[in-house]
Structures are given as C-alpha cells and as structure tokens.
N, C-alpha and C. Protein backbone atom coordinates (compact mmCIF):
# COMPACT_ATOMS: atom_id res chain seq x y z
N UNK A 1 49.86 17.08 -91.55
CA UNK A 1 49.16 16.62 -90.37
C UNK A 1 49.70 17.33 -89.14
N UNK A 2 48.84 17.53 -88.18
CA UNK A 2 49.29 18.15 -86.94
C UNK A 2 49.67 17.07 -85.94
N UNK A 3 50.50 17.47 -84.99
CA UNK A 3 50.95 16.53 -83.96
C UNK A 3 49.81 16.24 -83.00
N UNK A 4 49.83 15.05 -82.43
CA UNK A 4 48.84 14.69 -81.42
C UNK A 4 49.09 15.52 -80.17
N UNK A 5 48.03 15.90 -79.48
CA UNK A 5 48.24 16.68 -78.25
C UNK A 5 48.98 15.85 -77.20
N UNK A 6 49.73 16.54 -76.37
CA UNK A 6 50.50 15.89 -75.31
C UNK A 6 49.52 15.48 -74.21
N UNK A 7 49.43 14.18 -73.95
CA UNK A 7 48.47 13.66 -72.97
C UNK A 7 49.02 13.69 -71.55
N UNK A 8 50.28 14.11 -71.39
CA UNK A 8 50.86 14.14 -70.05
C UNK A 8 50.32 15.31 -69.25
N UNK A 9 50.32 15.14 -67.94
CA UNK A 9 49.89 16.22 -67.06
C UNK A 9 51.01 17.27 -66.98
N UNK A 10 50.69 18.47 -66.51
CA UNK A 10 51.75 19.47 -66.31
C UNK A 10 52.84 18.96 -65.37
N UNK A 11 52.46 18.23 -64.33
CA UNK A 11 53.46 17.67 -63.42
C UNK A 11 54.38 16.69 -64.13
N UNK A 12 53.84 15.87 -65.01
CA UNK A 12 54.66 14.91 -65.75
C UNK A 12 55.60 15.62 -66.71
N UNK A 13 55.11 16.67 -67.36
CA UNK A 13 55.97 17.43 -68.29
C UNK A 13 57.10 18.12 -67.52
N UNK A 14 56.78 18.73 -66.39
CA UNK A 14 57.80 19.39 -65.58
C UNK A 14 58.80 18.39 -65.03
N UNK A 15 58.32 17.24 -64.57
CA UNK A 15 59.22 16.20 -64.05
C UNK A 15 60.20 15.75 -65.13
N UNK A 16 59.74 15.65 -66.36
CA UNK A 16 60.64 15.26 -67.45
C UNK A 16 61.70 16.32 -67.71
N UNK A 17 61.30 17.58 -67.70
CA UNK A 17 62.25 18.67 -67.92
C UNK A 17 63.31 18.67 -66.82
N UNK A 18 62.88 18.56 -65.58
CA UNK A 18 63.81 18.58 -64.44
C UNK A 18 64.74 17.36 -64.49
N UNK A 19 64.18 16.18 -64.72
CA UNK A 19 64.98 14.96 -64.75
C UNK A 19 66.01 15.01 -65.88
N UNK A 20 65.59 15.48 -67.05
CA UNK A 20 66.53 15.58 -68.17
C UNK A 20 67.66 16.57 -67.88
N UNK A 21 67.33 17.67 -67.20
CA UNK A 21 68.37 18.65 -66.85
C UNK A 21 69.35 18.06 -65.84
N UNK A 22 68.83 17.32 -64.86
CA UNK A 22 69.71 16.69 -63.87
C UNK A 22 70.61 15.65 -64.53
N UNK A 23 70.06 14.89 -65.46
CA UNK A 23 70.83 13.89 -66.19
C UNK A 23 71.92 14.57 -67.02
N UNK A 24 71.57 15.62 -67.72
CA UNK A 24 72.54 16.37 -68.55
C UNK A 24 73.67 16.95 -67.71
N UNK A 25 73.35 17.35 -66.48
CA UNK A 25 74.35 17.93 -65.58
C UNK A 25 75.18 16.87 -64.88
N UNK A 26 74.84 15.59 -65.09
CA UNK A 26 75.59 14.51 -64.46
C UNK A 26 75.23 14.30 -62.99
N UNK A 27 74.11 14.86 -62.56
CA UNK A 27 73.72 14.73 -61.16
C UNK A 27 72.94 13.46 -60.85
N UNK A 28 72.41 12.83 -61.89
CA UNK A 28 71.74 11.54 -61.73
C UNK A 28 72.17 10.63 -62.87
N UNK A 29 71.91 9.35 -62.72
CA UNK A 29 72.22 8.39 -63.77
C UNK A 29 70.95 8.04 -64.53
N UNK A 30 71.11 7.58 -65.75
CA UNK A 30 69.94 7.22 -66.55
C UNK A 30 69.19 6.03 -65.95
N UNK A 31 69.88 5.19 -65.17
CA UNK A 31 69.24 4.03 -64.57
C UNK A 31 68.11 4.42 -63.63
N UNK A 32 68.19 5.56 -62.99
CA UNK A 32 67.15 5.98 -62.06
C UNK A 32 66.19 7.01 -62.62
N UNK A 33 66.29 7.27 -63.91
CA UNK A 33 65.55 8.37 -64.52
C UNK A 33 64.03 8.19 -64.42
N UNK A 34 63.52 7.03 -64.76
CA UNK A 34 62.07 6.83 -64.75
C UNK A 34 61.50 6.89 -63.34
N UNK A 35 62.23 6.34 -62.37
CA UNK A 35 61.81 6.41 -60.97
C UNK A 35 61.75 7.86 -60.51
N UNK A 36 62.77 8.63 -60.86
CA UNK A 36 62.81 10.04 -60.49
C UNK A 36 61.63 10.79 -61.11
N UNK A 37 61.38 10.58 -62.40
CA UNK A 37 60.28 11.27 -63.07
C UNK A 37 58.94 10.93 -62.42
N UNK A 38 58.74 9.66 -62.12
CA UNK A 38 57.48 9.21 -61.52
C UNK A 38 57.28 9.87 -60.16
N UNK A 39 58.32 9.85 -59.34
CA UNK A 39 58.19 10.41 -57.99
C UNK A 39 58.07 11.93 -58.03
N UNK A 40 58.79 12.60 -58.92
CA UNK A 40 58.64 14.05 -59.05
C UNK A 40 57.23 14.43 -59.47
N UNK A 41 56.72 13.74 -60.47
CA UNK A 41 55.38 14.05 -60.98
C UNK A 41 54.32 13.84 -59.91
N UNK A 42 54.52 12.86 -59.05
CA UNK A 42 53.55 12.56 -58.00
C UNK A 42 53.77 13.40 -56.75
N UNK A 43 54.88 14.14 -56.70
CA UNK A 43 55.21 14.92 -55.52
C UNK A 43 55.64 14.04 -54.37
N UNK A 44 56.22 12.89 -54.71
CA UNK A 44 56.56 11.89 -53.69
C UNK A 44 58.05 11.71 -53.46
N UNK A 45 58.89 12.52 -54.08
CA UNK A 45 60.34 12.38 -53.91
C UNK A 45 60.73 12.86 -52.51
N UNK A 46 61.42 12.00 -51.78
CA UNK A 46 61.84 12.31 -50.41
C UNK A 46 63.34 12.57 -50.39
N UNK A 47 63.82 13.06 -49.27
CA UNK A 47 65.25 13.34 -49.11
C UNK A 47 66.07 12.08 -49.36
N UNK A 48 65.58 10.94 -48.90
CA UNK A 48 66.30 9.67 -49.09
C UNK A 48 66.42 9.33 -50.58
N UNK A 49 65.36 9.65 -51.35
CA UNK A 49 65.41 9.40 -52.79
C UNK A 49 66.50 10.24 -53.45
N UNK A 50 66.54 11.52 -53.10
CA UNK A 50 67.55 12.42 -53.67
C UNK A 50 68.95 11.94 -53.30
N UNK A 51 69.14 11.53 -52.05
CA UNK A 51 70.45 11.02 -51.62
C UNK A 51 70.85 9.80 -52.44
N UNK A 52 69.90 8.94 -52.69
CA UNK A 52 70.16 7.72 -53.47
C UNK A 52 70.51 8.07 -54.92
N UNK A 53 69.66 8.88 -55.56
CA UNK A 53 69.88 9.22 -56.97
C UNK A 53 71.21 9.95 -57.17
N UNK A 54 71.46 10.96 -56.37
CA UNK A 54 72.67 11.75 -56.55
C UNK A 54 73.90 10.99 -56.07
N UNK A 55 73.77 10.23 -54.99
CA UNK A 55 74.88 9.42 -54.50
C UNK A 55 75.33 8.39 -55.53
N UNK A 56 74.37 7.75 -56.20
CA UNK A 56 74.73 6.78 -57.25
C UNK A 56 75.51 7.45 -58.37
N UNK A 57 75.08 8.63 -58.78
CA UNK A 57 75.78 9.35 -59.85
C UNK A 57 77.18 9.76 -59.42
N UNK A 58 77.31 10.20 -58.17
CA UNK A 58 78.63 10.59 -57.68
C UNK A 58 79.58 9.40 -57.60
N UNK A 59 79.07 8.27 -57.12
CA UNK A 59 79.92 7.06 -57.06
C UNK A 59 80.33 6.61 -58.45
N UNK A 60 79.42 6.67 -59.40
CA UNK A 60 79.75 6.29 -60.78
C UNK A 60 80.80 7.23 -61.36
N UNK A 61 80.69 8.51 -61.07
CA UNK A 61 81.67 9.49 -61.58
C UNK A 61 83.05 9.23 -60.98
N UNK A 62 83.09 8.90 -59.69
CA UNK A 62 84.40 8.60 -59.06
C UNK A 62 85.03 7.35 -59.66
N UNK A 63 84.22 6.36 -60.01
CA UNK A 63 84.76 5.13 -60.61
C UNK A 63 85.36 5.42 -61.98
N UNK A 64 84.85 6.42 -62.67
CA UNK A 64 85.36 6.75 -64.00
C UNK A 64 86.63 7.58 -63.97
N UNK A 65 86.94 8.18 -62.82
CA UNK A 65 88.13 9.01 -62.69
C UNK A 65 89.38 8.14 -62.65
N UNK A 66 90.49 8.66 -63.12
CA UNK A 66 91.75 7.90 -63.02
C UNK A 66 92.01 7.57 -61.54
N UNK A 67 92.34 6.33 -61.27
CA UNK A 67 92.58 5.91 -59.90
C UNK A 67 91.31 5.63 -59.14
N UNK A 68 90.15 5.61 -59.85
CA UNK A 68 88.86 5.35 -59.19
C UNK A 68 88.72 3.88 -58.86
N UNK A 69 87.54 3.48 -58.47
CA UNK A 69 87.29 2.12 -58.02
C UNK A 69 87.29 1.09 -59.12
N UNK A 70 87.19 1.48 -60.39
CA UNK A 70 87.13 0.49 -61.49
C UNK A 70 88.50 -0.09 -61.76
C-alpha cells in the first residue's frame, strides 16, 4: 500500500521542520512547540513570541546547570 498524501500546507510542513530544528538545538522547549508551529505556519510569530519561546528555554537550561535555580 502507498502512504496517504500529506494534507498539510507547505507553510505547515516548513513550520514543523523549523520548530523541530529549534527544539533539537535546545532553543525552544517542547511545551511551546505547537504554539510555535501554528504561529510560524500562519506567519503570525512576533518578536515577543520569539523572546518568550527562547527565553523559556534559556531559563530552563540555567535551572539544569549546577548551581542553577533548581
């Protein structure tokens, strides 16, 4: 059997690729992944969104470091 065609738009496919790469690089957290994908696909991500997504990941990374906030 062949696979079903991908029903996502090109914007949705690209948003997933970008979001997954950012997650793999540790620049965002998985908690904000769906919001990021949705806003990227819609072309609605603003500077404040990026600050929030990346800031959350940076704070989480600092908490995991020895002597961090945890």
